[in-house]
Amino acid sequence: MERQQLVEKAREIMAEEFEVDKESITEDAPLMETLDLDSLDIVDMVVIVEEHFGFKLAKEDFALLRTFSDFYDLLMTKAEK
């Protein structure tokens, strides 16, 4: 999957699952604040990624993520394995 395809798919899914405006999900937007995530939401996000993308993320993978760009980079890295 190309990065742009992955970004669009992830934006759609995150906007729907976390009930935020898709337009607020930009590459440089802060991930945690934009989606209003707490530690329980991170667990939900792990499950959502597995369901929609077919690979697992660990809760710890989110520790260093600051922006959606970081999140997309993580997804691309996992998708390429």
PDB file of N, CA and C in Angstrom:
ATOM      1  N   MET A   1       0.851  -1.174   0.000  1.00  0.00           N
ATOM      2  CA  MET A   1       0.000   0.000   0.000  1.00  0.00           C
ATOM      3  C   MET A   1       0.900   1.241   0.000  1.00  0.00           C
ATOM      4  N   GLU A   2       0.585   2.162  -0.857  1.00  0.00           N
ATOM      5  CA  GLU A   2       1.321   3.425  -0.913  1.00  0.00           C
ATOM      6  C   GLU A   2       0.985   4.273   0.321  1.00  0.00           C
ATOM      7  N   ARG A   3       1.904   5.153   0.688  1.00  0.00           N
ATOM      8  CA  ARG A   3       1.694   5.967   1.888  1.00  0.00           C
ATOM      9  C   ARG A   3       0.422   6.805   1.788  1.00  0.00           C
ATOM     10  N   GLN A   4       0.177   7.414   0.640  1.00  0.00           N
ATOM     11  CA  GLN A   4      -1.004   8.269   0.503  1.00  0.00           C
ATOM     12  C   GLN A   4      -2.295   7.472   0.674  1.00  0.00           C
ATOM     13  N   GLN A   5      -2.327   6.251   0.154  1.00  0.00           N
ATOM     14  CA  GLN A   5      -3.498   5.391   0.335  1.00  0.00           C
ATOM     15  C   GLN A   5      -3.686   5.064   1.812  1.00  0.00           C
ATOM     16  N   LEU A   6      -2.584   4.747   2.477  1.00  0.00           N
ATOM     17  CA  LEU A   6      -2.641   4.426   3.894  1.00  0.00           C
ATOM     18  C   LEU A   6      -3.122   5.632   4.704  1.00  0.00           C
ATOM     19  N   VAL A   7      -2.613   6.807   4.381  1.00  0.00           N
ATOM     20  CA  VAL A   7      -3.011   8.031   5.080  1.00  0.00           C
ATOM     21  C   VAL A   7      -4.510   8.263   4.933  1.00  0.00           C
ATOM     22  N   GLU A   8      -5.020   8.160   3.728  1.00  0.00           N
ATOM     23  CA  GLU A   8      -6.454   8.390   3.502  1.00  0.00           C
ATOM     24  C   GLU A   8      -7.308   7.374   4.250  1.00  0.00           C
ATOM     25  N   LYS A   9      -6.910   6.115   4.189  1.00  0.00           N
ATOM     26  CA  LYS A   9      -7.651   5.067   4.899  1.00  0.00           C
ATOM     27  C   LYS A   9      -7.621   5.329   6.405  1.00  0.00           C
ATOM     28  N   ALA A  10      -6.451   5.636   6.936  1.00  0.00           N
ATOM     29  CA  ALA A  10      -6.317   5.890   8.373  1.00  0.00           C
ATOM     30  C   ALA A  10      -7.131   7.116   8.794  1.00  0.00           C
ATOM     31  N   ARG A  11      -7.100   8.168   7.991  1.00  0.00           N
ATOM     32  CA  ARG A  11      -7.877   9.380   8.311  1.00  0.00           C
ATOM     33  C   ARG A  11      -9.364   9.067   8.391  1.00  0.00           C
ATOM     34  N   GLU A  12      -9.860   8.328   7.403  1.00  0.00           N
ATOM     35  CA  GLU A  12     -11.282   7.952   7.385  1.00  0.00           C
ATOM     36  C   GLU A  12     -11.645   7.160   8.640  1.00  0.00           C
ATOM     37  N   ILE A  13     -10.825   6.166   8.946  1.00  0.00           N
ATOM     38  CA  ILE A  13     -11.103   5.286  10.082  1.00  0.00           C
ATOM     39  C   ILE A  13     -11.048   6.057  11.397  1.00  0.00           C
ATOM     40  N   MET A  14     -10.007   6.845  11.587  1.00  0.00           N
ATOM     41  CA  MET A  14      -9.859   7.587  12.845  1.00  0.00           C
ATOM     42  C   MET A  14     -10.975   8.618  13.021  1.00  0.00           C
ATOM     43  N   ALA A  15     -11.345   9.299  11.952  1.00  0.00           N
ATOM     44  CA  ALA A  15     -12.433  10.280  12.031  1.00  0.00           C
ATOM     45  C   ALA A  15     -13.735   9.602  12.441  1.00  0.00           C
ATOM     46  N   GLU A  16     -14.006   8.457  11.845  1.00  0.00           N
ATOM     47  CA  GLU A  16     -15.246   7.742  12.158  1.00  0.00           C
ATOM     48  C   GLU A  16     -15.216   7.148  13.561  1.00  0.00           C
ATOM     49  N   GLU A  17     -14.154   6.445  13.893  1.00  0.00           N
ATOM     50  CA  GLU A  17     -14.071   5.749  15.179  1.00  0.00           C
ATOM     51  C   GLU A  17     -14.028   6.702  16.374  1.00  0.00           C
ATOM     52  N   PHE A  18     -13.354   7.836  16.214  1.00  0.00           N
ATOM     53  CA  PHE A  18     -13.192   8.762  17.335  1.00  0.00           C
ATOM     54  C   PHE A  18     -14.061  10.010  17.200  1.00  0.00           C
ATOM     55  N   GLU A  19     -14.947   9.990  16.199  1.00  0.00           N
ATOM     56  CA  GLU A  19     -15.954  11.032  16.006  1.00  0.00           C
ATOM     57  C   GLU A  19     -15.352  12.436  15.978  1.00  0.00           C
ATOM     58  N   VAL A  20     -14.374  12.600  15.094  1.00  0.00           N
ATOM     59  CA  VAL A  20     -13.774  13.920  14.878  1.00  0.00           C
ATOM     60  C   VAL A  20     -13.891  14.265  13.399  1.00  0.00           C
ATOM     61  N   ASP A  21     -13.798  15.540  13.112  1.00  0.00           N
ATOM     62  CA  ASP A  21     -13.847  16.013  11.735  1.00  0.00           C
ATOM     63  C   ASP A  21     -12.590  15.552  11.002  1.00  0.00           C
ATOM     64  N   LYS A  22     -12.785  14.904   9.876  1.00  0.00           N
ATOM     65  CA  LYS A  22     -11.658  14.397   9.088  1.00  0.00           C
ATOM     66  C   LYS A  22     -10.681  15.513   8.735  1.00  0.00           C
ATOM     67  N   GLU A  23     -11.191  16.706   8.520  1.00  0.00           N
ATOM     68  CA  GLU A  23     -10.338  17.837   8.148  1.00  0.00           C
ATOM     69  C   GLU A  23      -9.386  18.246   9.279  1.00  0.00           C
ATOM     70  N   SER A  24      -9.713  17.890  10.515  1.00  0.00           N
ATOM     71  CA  SER A  24      -8.823  18.220  11.636  1.00  0.00           C
ATOM     72  C   SER A  24      -7.646  17.254  11.735  1.00  0.00           C
ATOM     73  N   ILE A  25      -7.715  16.158  10.985  1.00  0.00           N
ATOM     74  CA  ILE A  25      -6.647  15.158  10.997  1.00  0.00           C
ATOM     75  C   ILE A  25      -5.671  15.476   9.872  1.00  0.00           C
ATOM     76  N   THR A  26      -4.684  16.292  10.220  1.00  0.00           N
ATOM     77  CA  THR A  26      -3.647  16.667   9.259  1.00  0.00           C
ATOM     78  C   THR A  26      -2.330  16.029   9.689  1.00  0.00           C
ATOM     79  N   GLU A  27      -1.370  16.000   8.784  1.00  0.00           N
ATOM     80  CA  GLU A  27      -0.079  15.356   9.067  1.00  0.00           C
ATOM     81  C   GLU A  27       0.592  15.921  10.320  1.00  0.00           C
ATOM     82  N   ASP A  28       0.494  17.235  10.516  1.00  0.00           N
ATOM     83  CA  ASP A  28       1.198  17.844  11.646  1.00  0.00           C
ATOM     84  C   ASP A  28       0.317  18.060  12.878  1.00  0.00           C
ATOM     85  N   ALA A  29      -0.930  17.606  12.832  1.00  0.00           N
ATOM     86  CA  ALA A  29      -1.825  17.734  13.984  1.00  0.00           C
ATOM     87  C   ALA A  29      -1.376  16.786  15.096  1.00  0.00           C
ATOM     88  N   PRO A  30      -1.484  17.228  16.346  1.00  0.00           N
ATOM     89  CA  PRO A  30      -1.113  16.354  17.463  1.00  0.00           C
ATOM     90  C   PRO A  30      -2.108  15.197  17.596  1.00  0.00           C
ATOM     91  N   LEU A  31      -1.591  13.998  17.571  1.00  0.00           N
ATOM     92  CA  LEU A  31      -2.422  12.789  17.572  1.00  0.00           C
ATOM     93  C   LEU A  31      -3.316  12.690  18.804  1.00  0.00           C
ATOM     94  N   MET A  32      -2.708  12.724  19.979  1.00  0.00           N
ATOM     95  CA  MET A  32      -3.458  12.511  21.222  1.00  0.00           C
ATOM     96  C   MET A  32      -4.519  13.587  21.443  1.00  0.00           C
ATOM     97  N   GLU A  33      -4.159  14.838  21.197  1.00  0.00           N
ATOM     98  CA  GLU A  33      -5.085  15.939  21.443  1.00  0.00           C
ATOM     99  C   GLU A  33      -6.213  15.975  20.413  1.00  0.00           C
ATOM    100  N   THR A  34      -5.883  15.743  19.156  1.00  0.00           N
ATOM    101  CA  THR A  34      -6.894  15.807  18.101  1.00  0.00           C
ATOM    102  C   THR A  34      -7.967  14.745  18.301  1.00  0.00           C
ATOM    103  N   LEU A  35      -7.533  13.538  18.674  1.00  0.00           N
ATOM    104  CA  LEU A  35      -8.492  12.449  18.883  1.00  0.00           C
ATOM    105  C   LEU A  35      -8.975  12.382  20.326  1.00  0.00           C
ATOM    106  N   ASP A  36      -8.448  13.258  21.184  1.00  0.00           N
ATOM    107  CA  ASP A  36      -8.798  13.295  22.604  1.00  0.00           C
ATOM    108  C   ASP A  36      -8.612  11.914  23.238  1.00  0.00           C
ATOM    109  N   LEU A  37      -7.406  11.359  23.061  1.00  0.00           N
ATOM    110  CA  LEU A  37      -7.113  10.002  23.511  1.00  0.00           C
ATOM    111  C   LEU A  37      -6.620   9.959  24.949  1.00  0.00           C
ATOM    112  N   ASP A  38      -7.093   8.952  25.668  1.00  0.00           N
ATOM    113  CA  ASP A  38      -6.516   8.623  26.967  1.00  0.00           C
ATOM    114  C   ASP A  38      -5.944   7.208  26.856  1.00  0.00           C
ATOM    115  N   SER A  39      -5.452   6.659  27.943  1.00  0.00           N
ATOM    116  CA  SER A  39      -4.785   5.353  27.870  1.00  0.00           C
ATOM    117  C   SER A  39      -5.730   4.239  27.420  1.00  0.00           C
ATOM    118  N   LEU A  40      -6.995   4.314  27.774  1.00  0.00           N
ATOM    119  CA  LEU A  40      -7.950   3.296  27.319  1.00  0.00           C
ATOM    120  C   LEU A  40      -8.219   3.418  25.826  1.00  0.00           C
ATOM    121  N   ASP A  41      -8.230   4.640  25.321  1.00  0.00           N
ATOM    122  CA  ASP A  41      -8.423   4.848  23.884  1.00  0.00           C
ATOM    123  C   ASP A  41      -7.256   4.283  23.080  1.00  0.00           C
ATOM    124  N   ILE A  42      -6.060   4.294  23.658  1.00  0.00           N
ATOM    125  CA  ILE A  42      -4.901   3.716  22.972  1.00  0.00           C
ATOM    126  C   ILE A  42      -5.135   2.226  22.741  1.00  0.00           C
ATOM    127  N   VAL A  43      -5.685   1.549  23.729  1.00  0.00           N
ATOM    128  CA  VAL A  43      -6.007   0.126  23.578  1.00  0.00           C
ATOM    129  C   VAL A  43      -7.019  -0.044  22.447  1.00  0.00           C
ATOM    130  N   ASP A  44      -8.027   0.808  22.403  1.00  0.00           N
ATOM    131  CA  ASP A  44      -9.009   0.765  21.313  1.00  0.00           C
ATOM    132  C   ASP A  44      -8.324   0.969  19.968  1.00  0.00           C
ATOM    133  N   MET A  45      -7.392   1.890  19.923  1.00  0.00           N
ATOM    134  CA  MET A  45      -6.697   2.190  18.678  1.00  0.00           C
ATOM    135  C   MET A  45      -5.881   0.988  18.194  1.00  0.00           C
ATOM    136  N   VAL A  46      -5.260   0.271  19.122  1.00  0.00           N
ATOM    137  CA  VAL A  46      -4.513  -0.947  18.780  1.00  0.00           C
ATOM    138  C   VAL A  46      -5.451  -1.944  18.104  1.00  0.00           C
ATOM    139  N   VAL A  47      -6.633  -2.121  18.672  1.00  0.00           N
ATOM    140  CA  VAL A  47      -7.620  -3.054  18.118  1.00  0.00           C
ATOM    141  C   VAL A  47      -8.115  -2.568  16.757  1.00  0.00           C
ATOM    142  N   ILE A  48      -8.389  -1.290  16.638  1.00  0.00           N
ATOM    143  CA  ILE A  48      -8.871  -0.715  15.376  1.00  0.00           C
ATOM    144  C   ILE A  48      -7.849  -0.921  14.263  1.00  0.00           C
ATOM    145  N   VAL A  49      -6.583  -0.664  14.557  1.00  0.00           N
ATOM    146  CA  VAL A  49      -5.531  -0.852  13.545  1.00  0.00           C
ATOM    147  C   VAL A  49      -5.465  -2.312  13.123  1.00  0.00           C
ATOM    148  N   GLU A  50      -5.522  -3.215  14.088  1.00  0.00           N
ATOM    149  CA  GLU A  50      -5.468  -4.640  13.749  1.00  0.00           C
ATOM    150  C   GLU A  50      -6.656  -5.046  12.876  1.00  0.00           C
ATOM    151  N   GLU A  51      -7.845  -4.575  13.218  1.00  0.00           N
ATOM    152  CA  GLU A  51      -9.045  -4.919  12.446  1.00  0.00           C
ATOM    153  C   GLU A  51      -8.990  -4.384  11.021  1.00  0.00           C
ATOM    154  N   HIS A  52      -8.529  -3.157  10.855  1.00  0.00           N
ATOM    155  CA  HIS A  52      -8.576  -2.504   9.548  1.00  0.00           C
ATOM    156  C   HIS A  52      -7.332  -2.694   8.688  1.00  0.00           C
ATOM    157  N   PHE A  53      -6.187  -2.919   9.337  1.00  0.00           N
ATOM    158  CA  PHE A  53      -4.939  -3.020   8.579  1.00  0.00           C
ATOM    159  C   PHE A  53      -4.313  -4.408   8.631  1.00  0.00           C
ATOM    160  N   GLY A  54      -4.766  -5.247   9.562  1.00  0.00           N
ATOM    161  CA  GLY A  54      -4.303  -6.629   9.605  1.00  0.00           C
ATOM    162  C   GLY A  54      -2.958  -6.853  10.275  1.00  0.00           C
ATOM    163  N   PHE A  55      -2.452  -5.887  11.005  1.00  0.00           N
ATOM    164  CA  PHE A  55      -1.222  -6.107  11.758  1.00  0.00           C
ATOM    165  C   PHE A  55      -1.369  -5.503  13.146  1.00  0.00           C
ATOM    166  N   LYS A  56      -0.542  -5.992  14.046  1.00  0.00           N
ATOM    167  CA  LYS A  56      -0.644  -5.577  15.442  1.00  0.00           C
ATOM    168  C   LYS A  56       0.314  -4.445  15.768  1.00  0.00           C
ATOM    169  N   LEU A  57      -0.176  -3.560  16.589  1.00  0.00           N
ATOM    170  CA  LEU A  57       0.661  -2.541  17.210  1.00  0.00           C
ATOM    171  C   LEU A  57       0.651  -2.832  18.706  1.00  0.00           C
ATOM    172  N   ALA A  58       1.717  -2.483  19.363  1.00  0.00           N
ATOM    173  CA  ALA A  58       1.754  -2.592  20.819  1.00  0.00           C
ATOM    174  C   ALA A  58       1.376  -1.234  21.403  1.00  0.00           C
ATOM    175  N   LYS A  59       0.781  -1.278  22.561  1.00  0.00           N
ATOM    176  CA  LYS A  59       0.432  -0.025  23.232  1.00  0.00           C
ATOM    177  C   LYS A  59       1.668   0.867  23.363  1.00  0.00           C
ATOM    178  N   GLU A  60       2.819   0.228  23.577  1.00  0.00           N
ATOM    179  CA  GLU A  60       4.078   0.961  23.734  1.00  0.00           C
ATOM    180  C   GLU A  60       4.483   1.699  22.460  1.00  0.00           C
ATOM    181  N   ASP A  61       4.018   1.216  21.299  1.00  0.00           N
ATOM    182  CA  ASP A  61       4.338   1.875  20.030  1.00  0.00           C
ATOM    183  C   ASP A  61       3.857   3.326  20.010  1.00  0.00           C
ATOM    184  N   PHE A  62       2.855   3.620  20.807  1.00  0.00           N
ATOM    185  CA  PHE A  62       2.261   4.958  20.803  1.00  0.00           C
ATOM    186  C   PHE A  62       3.023   5.954  21.679  1.00  0.00           C
ATOM    187  N   ALA A  63       3.946   5.464  22.491  1.00  0.00           N
ATOM    188  CA  ALA A  63       4.648   6.326  23.448  1.00  0.00           C
ATOM    189  C   ALA A  63       5.404   7.473  22.777  1.00  0.00           C
ATOM    190  N   LEU A  64       5.976   7.226  21.617  1.00  0.00           N
ATOM    191  CA  LEU A  64       6.791   8.248  20.959  1.00  0.00           C
ATOM    192  C   LEU A  64       6.049   9.020  19.871  1.00  0.00           C
ATOM    193  N   LEU A  65       4.796   8.678  19.648  1.00  0.00           N
ATOM    194  CA  LEU A  65       4.033   9.343  18.593  1.00  0.00           C
ATOM    195  C   LEU A  65       3.553  10.709  19.064  1.00  0.00           C
ATOM    196  N   ARG A  66       3.821  11.708  18.263  1.00  0.00           N
ATOM    197  CA  ARG A  66       3.361  13.062  18.580  1.00  0.00           C
ATOM    198  C   ARG A  66       2.317  13.550  17.576  1.00  0.00           C
ATOM    199  N   THR A  67       2.555  13.300  16.313  1.00  0.00           N
ATOM    200  CA  THR A  67       1.667  13.808  15.260  1.00  0.00           C
ATOM    201  C   THR A  67       1.084  12.659  14.448  1.00  0.00           C
ATOM    202  N   PHE A  68       0.129  13.000  13.600  1.00  0.00           N
ATOM    203  CA  PHE A  68      -0.417  11.983  12.705  1.00  0.00           C
ATOM    204  C   PHE A  68       0.644  11.486  11.732  1.00  0.00           C
ATOM    205  N   SER A  69       1.570  12.345  11.364  1.00  0.00           N
ATOM    206  CA  SER A  69       2.662  11.918  10.492  1.00  0.00           C
ATOM    207  C   SER A  69       3.465  10.801  11.150  1.00  0.00           C
ATOM    208  N   ASP A  70       3.740  10.930  12.444  1.00  0.00           N
ATOM    209  CA  ASP A  70       4.430   9.866  13.186  1.00  0.00           C
ATOM    210  C   ASP A  70       3.613   8.576  13.151  1.00  0.00           C
ATOM    211  N   PHE A  71       2.316   8.709  13.335  1.00  0.00           N
ATOM    212  CA  PHE A  71       1.410   7.560  13.315  1.00  0.00           C
ATOM    213  C   PHE A  71       1.428   6.887  11.945  1.00  0.00           C
ATOM    214  N   TYR A  72       1.350   7.674  10.889  1.00  0.00           N
ATOM    215  CA  TYR A  72       1.376   7.111   9.536  1.00  0.00           C
ATOM    216  C   TYR A  72       2.707   6.424   9.250  1.00  0.00           C
ATOM    217  N   ASP A  73       3.802   7.019   9.722  1.00  0.00           N
ATOM    218  CA  ASP A  73       5.119   6.393   9.543  1.00  0.00           C
ATOM    219  C   ASP A  73       5.166   5.036  10.242  1.00  0.00           C
ATOM    220  N   LEU A  74       4.610   4.966  11.439  1.00  0.00           N
ATOM    221  CA  LEU A  74       4.549   3.697  12.170  1.00  0.00           C
ATOM    222  C   LEU A  74       3.731   2.673  11.390  1.00  0.00           C
ATOM    223  N   LEU A  75       2.579   3.093  10.887  1.00  0.00           N
ATOM    224  CA  LEU A  75       1.746   2.174  10.103  1.00  0.00           C
ATOM    225  C   LEU A  75       2.486   1.678   8.864  1.00  0.00           C
ATOM    226  N   MET A  76       3.184   2.569   8.176  1.00  0.00           N
ATOM    227  CA  MET A  76       3.942   2.169   6.979  1.00  0.00           C
ATOM    228  C   MET A  76       5.030   1.163   7.334  1.00  0.00           C
ATOM    229  N   THR A  77       5.738   1.408   8.422  1.00  0.00           N
ATOM    230  CA  THR A  77       6.793   0.488   8.858  1.00  0.00           C
ATOM    231  C   THR A  77       6.216  -0.892   9.142  1.00  0.00           C
ATOM    232  N   LYS A  78       5.099  -0.943   9.850  1.00  0.00           N
ATOM    233  CA  LYS A  78       4.468  -2.226  10.177  1.00  0.00           C
ATOM    234  C   LYS A  78       3.918  -2.897   8.924  1.00  0.00           C
ATOM    235  N   ALA A  79       3.358  -2.114   8.020  1.00  0.00           N
ATOM    236  CA  ALA A  79       2.766  -2.667   6.797  1.00  0.00           C
ATOM    237  C   ALA A  79       3.824  -3.286   5.893  1.00  0.00           C
ATOM    238  N   GLU A  80       5.032  -2.752   5.929  1.00  0.00           N
ATOM    239  CA  GLU A  80       6.103  -3.235   5.057  1.00  0.00           C
ATOM    240  C   GLU A  80       6.754  -4.510   5.566  1.00  0.00           C
ATOM    241  N   LYS A  81       6.451  -4.913   6.791  1.00  0.00           N
ATOM    242  CA  LYS A  81       7.057  -6.132   7.357  1.00  0.00           C
ATOM    243  C   LYS A  81       6.341  -7.368   6.892  1.00  0.00           C
TER     244      LYS A  81
END
